[in-house]
Protein backbone atom coordinates (compact mmCIF):
# COMPACT_ATOMS: atom_id res chain seq x y z
CA MET A 1 102.03 116.81 74.78
CA ALA A 2 99.41 116.93 77.52
CA LYS A 3 98.12 119.72 79.67
CA ILE A 4 96.76 119.60 83.24
CA PRO A 5 92.96 119.36 83.09
CA LEU A 6 92.35 122.68 84.80
CA LEU A 7 94.97 124.68 82.81
CA ASN A 8 92.41 126.96 81.21
CA TYR A 9 90.87 127.71 84.65
CA HIS A 10 94.35 128.68 85.93
CA VAL A 11 95.08 130.91 82.90
CA GLU A 12 91.71 132.55 82.50
CA LYS A 13 90.60 132.86 86.10
CA LEU A 14 93.80 133.05 88.12
CA GLY A 15 96.09 134.68 85.61
CA ALA A 16 98.64 131.92 85.30
CA GLU A 17 101.51 132.09 82.82
CA PRO A 18 101.53 128.68 81.17
CA GLY A 19 104.61 126.81 80.09
CA PHE A 20 106.06 123.29 79.66
CA PHE A 21 107.44 120.92 82.18
CA GLY A 22 108.51 117.86 80.32
CA ASP A 23 105.56 116.77 78.15
CA TRP A 24 103.07 118.75 80.30
CA GLU A 25 101.71 122.24 79.91
CA VAL A 26 101.35 123.64 83.42
CA PRO A 27 101.13 127.00 85.27
CA MET A 28 104.70 128.32 85.52
CA ARG A 29 103.85 131.34 87.71
CA TYR A 30 100.96 133.65 88.47
CA THR A 31 102.63 136.86 89.71
CA SER A 32 106.28 136.55 90.80
CA SER A 33 107.79 133.09 91.45
CA ILE A 34 109.77 134.69 94.36
CA GLU A 35 106.49 135.99 95.90
CA GLU A 36 104.91 132.56 95.49
CA HIS A 37 107.98 130.87 97.01
CA LEU A 38 107.93 133.16 100.07
CA ALA A 39 104.18 132.77 100.50
CA VAL A 40 104.63 128.99 100.88
CA ARG A 41 107.62 129.43 103.30
CA ARG A 42 105.82 132.03 105.46
CA ASP A 43 102.12 131.65 104.95
CA VAL A 44 100.26 129.30 102.54
CA GLY A 45 100.16 128.65 98.84
CA VAL A 46 98.44 126.28 96.52
CA PHE A 47 99.87 124.32 93.51
CA ASP A 48 98.13 122.37 90.90
CA VAL A 49 100.28 119.21 90.64
CA SER A 50 98.08 117.27 88.30
CA HIS A 51 101.08 116.62 86.03
CA MET A 52 102.15 113.97 88.67
CA GLY A 53 100.94 110.47 87.92
CA ARG A 54 98.19 108.72 89.91
CA ILE A 55 98.03 105.00 89.67
CA ARG A 56 95.80 102.43 91.46
CA LEU A 57 96.87 98.83 92.10
CA LYS A 58 94.20 96.34 93.14
CA GLY A 59 94.26 92.54 93.66
CA SER A 60 95.37 89.75 95.87
CA ASP A 61 99.08 90.02 94.73
CA VAL A 62 99.45 93.80 95.10
CA PHE A 63 101.78 93.50 98.13
CA GLU A 64 104.04 91.00 96.41
CA LEU A 65 104.26 93.34 93.41
CA ILE A 66 105.27 96.47 95.42
CA GLN A 67 107.72 94.53 97.55
CA TYR A 68 109.36 93.29 94.40
CA VAL A 69 109.51 96.74 92.66
CA TYR A 70 110.53 99.05 95.58
CA THR A 71 113.50 99.25 97.82
CA LYS A 72 111.60 100.06 101.01
CA ASP A 73 110.00 97.30 103.15
CA LEU A 74 106.28 98.11 103.04
CA SER A 75 105.09 95.32 105.31
CA LYS A 76 104.50 97.60 108.31
CA VAL A 77 102.47 100.26 106.50
CA LYS A 78 99.03 100.75 108.05
CA THR A 79 95.76 101.33 106.21
CA GLY A 80 95.24 105.07 105.65
CA TRP A 81 98.97 105.87 105.67
CA MET A 82 101.48 106.77 103.02
CA SER A 83 105.03 105.39 102.80
CA GLY A 84 107.92 106.85 101.05
CA PRO A 85 109.70 108.21 99.27
CA THR A 86 110.97 104.84 98.09
CA LEU A 87 112.96 103.95 95.00
CA ALA A 88 112.17 101.82 91.95
CA LEU A 89 115.55 100.63 90.64
CA ASN A 90 116.70 98.97 87.35
CA GLN A 91 119.12 96.07 87.28
CA TRP A 92 122.17 98.44 87.58
CA ALA A 93 120.86 100.02 90.77
CA ARG A 94 120.04 103.22 88.95
CA VAL A 95 116.77 104.95 89.82
CA LYS A 96 113.73 104.61 87.61
CA ASP A 97 111.64 106.76 89.98
CA ASP A 98 111.20 107.89 93.58
CA GLU A 99 107.59 107.54 94.65
CA MET A 100 105.01 107.84 97.41
CA LEU A 101 102.70 104.81 98.08
CA TYR A 102 99.27 104.91 99.78
CA LYS A 103 97.74 101.90 101.45
CA ILE A 104 93.95 101.94 100.98
CA ARG A 105 93.72 98.32 102.23
CA ASP A 106 95.69 95.13 101.95
CA ASP A 107 94.68 94.55 98.38
CA GLU A 108 94.53 98.14 97.15
CA TRP A 109 97.37 100.70 97.03
CA LEU A 110 97.85 104.01 95.20
CA LEU A 111 101.17 105.30 93.94
CA VAL A 112 102.34 108.61 92.56
CA PRO A 113 105.07 108.48 89.94
CA ASN A 114 106.80 111.61 88.70
CA ALA A 115 105.33 113.23 85.63
CA LEU A 116 108.25 112.42 83.28
CA VAL A 117 108.07 108.66 83.91
CA ARG A 118 104.37 107.91 84.40
CA GLU A 119 103.96 106.12 81.13
CA LYS A 120 107.23 104.29 81.60
CA MET A 121 106.26 103.19 85.06
CA LEU A 122 102.80 102.03 83.92
CA SER A 123 104.48 99.93 81.17
CA TYR A 124 107.03 98.58 83.62
CA LEU A 125 104.44 97.60 86.24
CA ARG A 126 102.33 95.95 83.59
CA SER A 127 105.24 93.92 82.29
CA ILE A 128 106.08 92.60 85.79
CA ILE A 129 102.41 91.79 86.43
CA ASN A 130 102.30 89.80 83.20
CA ASN A 131 105.77 88.13 83.51
CA ARG A 132 105.24 87.06 87.12
CA GLN A 133 101.52 86.32 86.69
CA TYR A 134 100.51 88.50 89.58
CA LYS A 135 96.78 88.88 90.25
CA VAL A 136 96.81 92.69 90.05
CA VAL A 137 94.66 95.16 88.15
CA ILE A 138 96.40 98.42 87.31
CA GLU A 139 94.41 101.58 86.65
CA ASP A 140 95.74 104.98 85.55
CA LEU A 141 93.85 107.66 87.48
CA THR A 142 95.96 110.55 86.23
CA PHE A 143 93.25 112.08 83.99
CA LYS A 144 90.33 111.09 86.20
CA TYR A 145 91.36 113.26 89.11
CA SER A 146 93.07 116.64 89.46
CA MET A 147 95.61 116.97 92.33
CA ILE A 148 96.46 120.16 94.22
CA ALA A 149 99.00 120.75 97.03
CA ILE A 150 98.19 123.29 99.78
CA GLN A 151 101.47 124.07 101.40
CA GLY A 152 102.80 126.29 104.11
CA PRO A 153 102.85 126.85 107.90
CA LYS A 154 99.33 128.17 107.82
CA SER A 155 97.90 125.42 105.70
CA PRO A 156 96.29 123.59 108.74
CA ASP A 157 94.52 126.78 109.75
CA ILE A 158 93.08 127.22 106.21
CA MET A 159 91.89 123.60 106.03
CA GLU A 160 90.00 124.02 109.29
CA LYS A 161 88.68 127.41 108.35
CA ILE A 162 87.06 126.10 105.12
CA GLY A 163 85.44 123.15 106.92
CA LEU A 164 88.06 120.39 106.46
CA LYS A 165 88.90 119.86 110.11
CA ASP A 166 89.29 116.11 109.52
CA ALA A 167 92.14 116.96 107.21
CA SER A 168 93.82 119.35 109.63
CA ASP A 169 93.67 116.59 112.29
CA LEU A 170 95.75 114.23 110.08
CA LYS A 171 99.25 113.32 111.12
CA PRO A 172 102.11 113.65 108.62
CA LEU A 173 101.77 111.01 105.87
CA GLN A 174 98.27 110.03 106.99
CA PHE A 175 95.34 110.29 104.55
CA ILE A 176 91.50 110.02 104.33
CA THR A 177 89.34 109.20 101.41
CA ASN A 178 85.83 110.08 100.17
CA ILE A 179 85.50 113.52 101.85
CA LYS A 180 82.55 115.81 101.32
CA LEU A 181 82.60 119.65 101.70
CA ASN A 182 79.13 120.97 100.98
CA ASP A 183 78.61 120.01 97.31
CA ILE A 184 82.28 119.30 96.79
CA LYS A 185 83.32 115.58 96.72
CA LEU A 186 86.92 114.84 97.18
CA PHE A 187 88.55 111.46 96.61
CA LEU A 188 91.62 111.83 98.88
CA ILE A 189 93.33 114.27 101.21
CA SER A 190 96.82 113.48 102.55
CA ARG A 191 99.07 115.44 104.92
CA SER A 192 102.01 115.60 102.66
CA GLY A 193 103.76 117.71 100.07
CA TRP A 194 107.16 118.38 98.44
CA THR A 195 108.12 121.79 99.76
CA GLY A 196 109.54 121.12 103.17
CA GLU A 197 106.58 122.81 104.76
CA ASP A 198 103.48 121.40 106.47
CA GLY A 199 100.72 120.89 103.96
CA PHE A 200 98.13 118.74 102.25
CA GLU A 201 97.59 117.13 98.91
CA VAL A 202 94.06 116.75 97.55
CA TRP A 203 92.68 114.58 94.78
CA GLY A 204 89.26 115.06 93.35
CA ASP A 205 87.32 115.24 90.05
CA HIS A 206 88.16 118.36 88.07
CA SER A 207 85.03 120.33 88.85
CA SER A 208 85.37 119.71 92.54
CA ILE A 209 88.96 120.81 92.61
CA ALA A 210 88.08 123.97 90.69
CA LYS A 211 85.42 124.75 93.33
CA LEU A 212 87.96 124.05 96.10
CA LEU A 213 90.42 126.31 94.40
CA ASP A 214 87.75 129.08 94.29
CA ILE A 215 87.36 128.78 98.06
CA LEU A 216 91.05 128.72 98.85
CA VAL A 217 91.90 131.76 96.71
CA LYS A 218 88.93 133.60 98.27
CA GLU A 219 90.45 132.90 101.68
CA GLY A 220 93.76 134.41 100.54
CA VAL A 221 95.69 131.28 99.66
CA LYS A 222 98.25 132.30 97.01
CA PRO A 223 98.41 130.27 93.77
CA ALA A 224 101.93 129.13 93.04
CA GLY A 225 103.49 127.72 89.91
CA ILE A 226 106.06 125.08 88.85
CA ILE A 227 108.98 127.64 89.10
CA ALA A 228 108.32 128.21 92.80
CA ARG A 229 107.85 124.50 93.33
CA ASP A 230 111.29 123.91 91.91
CA THR A 231 112.98 126.55 94.04
CA LEU A 232 111.24 125.17 97.17
CA ARG A 233 112.38 121.61 96.54
CA MET A 234 115.87 122.92 95.84
CA GLU A 235 116.10 124.65 99.22
CA MET A 236 115.30 121.32 100.88
CA GLY A 237 117.72 119.37 98.73
CA PHE A 238 114.95 117.21 97.16
CA VAL A 239 115.84 115.30 94.03
CA LEU A 240 114.29 115.50 90.59
CA GLY A 241 114.32 112.76 87.91
CA ASP A 242 116.55 113.41 84.88
CA HIS A 243 118.65 115.73 86.99
CA GLU A 244 119.80 113.97 90.17
CA TYR A 245 118.85 110.45 89.03
CA GLY A 246 118.02 108.37 86.05
CA GLU A 247 118.43 104.88 84.61
CA ASP A 248 121.58 105.40 82.45
CA PRO A 249 124.51 103.74 84.33
CA VAL A 250 126.99 105.95 82.48
CA LYS A 251 125.29 109.23 83.17
CA TYR A 252 124.15 108.58 86.78
CA PRO A 253 125.94 107.03 89.73
CA CYS A 254 124.53 104.17 91.78
CA ALA A 255 121.46 104.99 93.93
CA ILE A 256 123.56 105.04 97.04
CA SER A 257 125.33 108.22 95.78
CA LEU A 258 121.97 110.06 96.12
CA ARG A 259 122.30 109.94 99.95
CA TYR A 260 118.49 109.88 99.75
CA GLY A 261 117.76 109.21 103.36
CA LEU A 262 114.20 109.07 104.76
CA GLY A 263 114.40 105.29 104.91
CA ALA A 264 114.03 104.97 101.13
CA ILE A 265 116.10 101.74 101.20
CA THR A 266 115.52 99.00 103.81
CA TRP A 267 118.80 97.13 103.90
CA SER A 268 117.36 94.09 105.63
CA LYS A 269 114.89 93.64 102.80
CA LYS A 270 115.71 91.06 100.08
CA GLY A 271 114.37 90.10 96.68
CA TYR A 272 113.61 93.43 94.95
CA VAL A 273 114.74 94.59 91.46
CA GLY A 274 118.26 95.90 91.53
CA GLU A 275 119.16 94.50 94.96
CA GLU A 276 122.20 92.60 93.79
CA ALA A 277 123.76 95.67 92.03
CA LEU A 278 122.83 97.92 94.99
CA ARG A 279 124.56 95.66 97.48
CA ALA A 280 127.62 95.48 95.19
CA CYS A 281 127.73 99.33 95.28
CA LEU A 282 127.48 99.19 99.09
CA ARG A 283 130.39 96.76 99.31
CA GLU A 284 132.60 98.59 96.87
CA GLY A 285 131.79 102.08 97.99
CA VAL A 286 130.86 105.00 95.73
CA ARG A 287 133.04 107.48 94.00
CA TRP A 288 130.37 110.27 93.61
CA VAL A 289 128.34 111.76 96.43
CA ARG A 290 125.41 114.12 96.02
CA MET A 291 126.12 117.37 97.92
CA GLY A 292 124.90 120.93 97.95
CA ILE A 293 126.80 124.05 96.73
CA LYS A 294 126.07 127.51 98.05
CA MET A 295 127.52 130.45 96.20
CA SER A 296 129.62 132.98 98.06
CA LYS A 297 128.12 136.32 99.11
CA LYS A 298 130.30 138.06 96.48
CA ASN A 299 128.77 135.74 93.79
CA ALA A 300 125.29 135.61 95.27
CA ARG A 301 123.53 136.33 91.92
CA ILE A 302 125.34 133.55 90.07
CA ILE A 303 123.14 130.51 89.51
CA PRO A 304 124.97 127.28 88.76
CA ARG A 305 123.35 125.32 85.89
CA GLU A 306 123.14 121.68 85.04
CA HIS A 307 126.36 120.00 83.68
CA MET A 308 128.64 122.85 84.76
CA PRO A 309 131.96 121.45 86.10
CA VAL A 310 132.86 121.98 89.87
CA TYR A 311 136.53 122.74 90.64
CA VAL A 312 138.80 122.60 93.64
CA GLU A 313 141.79 124.66 92.67
CA ASP A 314 142.38 123.66 89.07
CA GLN A 315 140.91 120.11 89.47
CA VAL A 316 137.49 119.14 88.25
CA VAL A 317 135.92 117.30 91.16
CA GLY A 318 132.25 117.04 90.05
CA TRP A 319 129.35 118.40 88.08
CA ILE A 320 126.10 120.31 88.72
CA THR A 321 122.83 118.46 88.46
CA SER A 322 120.35 121.25 89.39
CA GLY A 323 120.79 124.89 90.17
CA THR A 324 118.51 127.86 91.18
CA TYR A 325 118.28 131.06 93.14
CA SER A 326 117.20 130.67 96.75
CA PRO A 327 114.83 133.45 97.85
CA ILE A 328 115.42 132.64 101.51
CA LEU A 329 119.24 132.60 101.34
CA ARG A 330 119.32 135.24 98.55
CA ARG A 331 121.95 133.54 96.59
CA GLY A 332 122.46 130.78 94.05
CA ILE A 333 122.38 127.23 95.28
CA ALA A 334 122.95 123.91 93.48
CA GLN A 335 122.99 120.12 93.81
CA ALA A 336 126.04 118.43 92.46
CA TYR A 337 127.82 115.07 92.33
CA ILE A 338 131.15 115.52 93.98
CA ASP A 339 134.12 113.14 94.02
CA ALA A 340 133.92 111.45 97.43
CA ARG A 341 137.43 112.56 98.28
CA TYR A 342 136.23 116.17 98.11
CA ALA A 343 132.71 115.81 99.62
CA ILE A 344 133.61 117.84 102.65
CA GLU A 345 131.28 120.47 104.20
CA ASP A 346 132.55 124.06 103.80
CA LEU A 347 135.17 123.07 101.28
CA PRO A 348 135.76 125.98 98.91
CA VAL A 349 134.83 125.22 95.26
CA LYS A 350 134.59 127.19 92.05
CA ILE A 351 131.98 126.94 89.27
CA MET A 352 133.08 127.59 85.73
CA MET A 353 130.62 129.75 83.77
CA ARG A 354 131.34 131.50 80.53
CA ASN A 355 135.05 130.93 80.96
CA ARG A 356 135.11 132.54 84.42
CA PHE A 357 135.32 131.04 87.90
CA TYR A 358 132.77 131.94 90.59
CA GLU A 359 133.29 130.99 94.27
CA GLY A 360 131.05 128.80 96.48
CA LYS A 361 131.39 126.12 99.06
CA ILE A 362 130.11 122.63 99.62
CA VAL A 363 127.25 122.27 102.07
CA ASP A 364 124.94 119.49 103.22
CA PHE A 365 121.18 119.29 102.78
CA PRO A 366 118.83 120.96 103.45
CA PHE A 367 120.12 124.36 102.45
CA ILE A 368 117.82 126.06 104.94
CA THR A 369 116.86 125.04 108.47
CA LYS A 370 113.24 124.87 109.65
């Protein structure tokens, strides 16, 4: 088990309730997860997301490596810009991870794997580097830097107010490095996030991030925990490893079934891991399609849970992968894999829970409009 570097700061100074997300001890909430969720949607909140991996790749063969590993063509990415999300597949076209990549320069890139697969991705990348004899040095920065996410419609105003105007001037997915704010030295600021709102992600040494958090909280930015982060991602229909995707070809459908979008796959690209199986899926078509489910007004308080079956009439047509309560919609929502024959918007469905049926309907993503 690991804990984020500033966990004691969050608990002792900000009143966080700690808990476990995978193998990481993280702040789960500070006050109310619904309050934290709504602060991000309507104002601004800050998450400590140091459980996410941070990896640096340097060397003359870095570009060959990432083109081989990921499904997106990265050849047009400019220095100082992020690209993604993109997918790392296995040989069966199942998803190892969905990741963001940052181009520092031609021979230096950063990537952010999800917390649950950081060690697996490090091992995987090292094996490819060794087997293909790439001239690449891989460095795990996860414990060197903390990482926070400042998210919400008022996040640009906050960044400018505290003296980080260069950050507020960034375009979406652009980043800057080596920033100084008085005695605070920050490694990286990007205009990015995982909430569906405008926002920024900041990397820095632990003491610098603690000082920045002091400033942000003093300015009224609301600390938010992993529970709110999950409900925010669910409202946008964002996927989570070991729920919507994974490597097991029996448990998870082909990557195409994710309907990931955002250009995660460049179909004109060739020569990456899993390409042959992915193209076979494309030719054959898919049986299962990732869709959203919104509970009816009558069953608004019912929250579908992972693995619960989805019914049309008396026929099982799919299964739940993630479920939560949406503070914006004020009802339960879920992601599910639905038999493609039934993946029709507004189609009435039922969720079986404790031997009772509860009504909902199939919807597309995102659950809320911005």
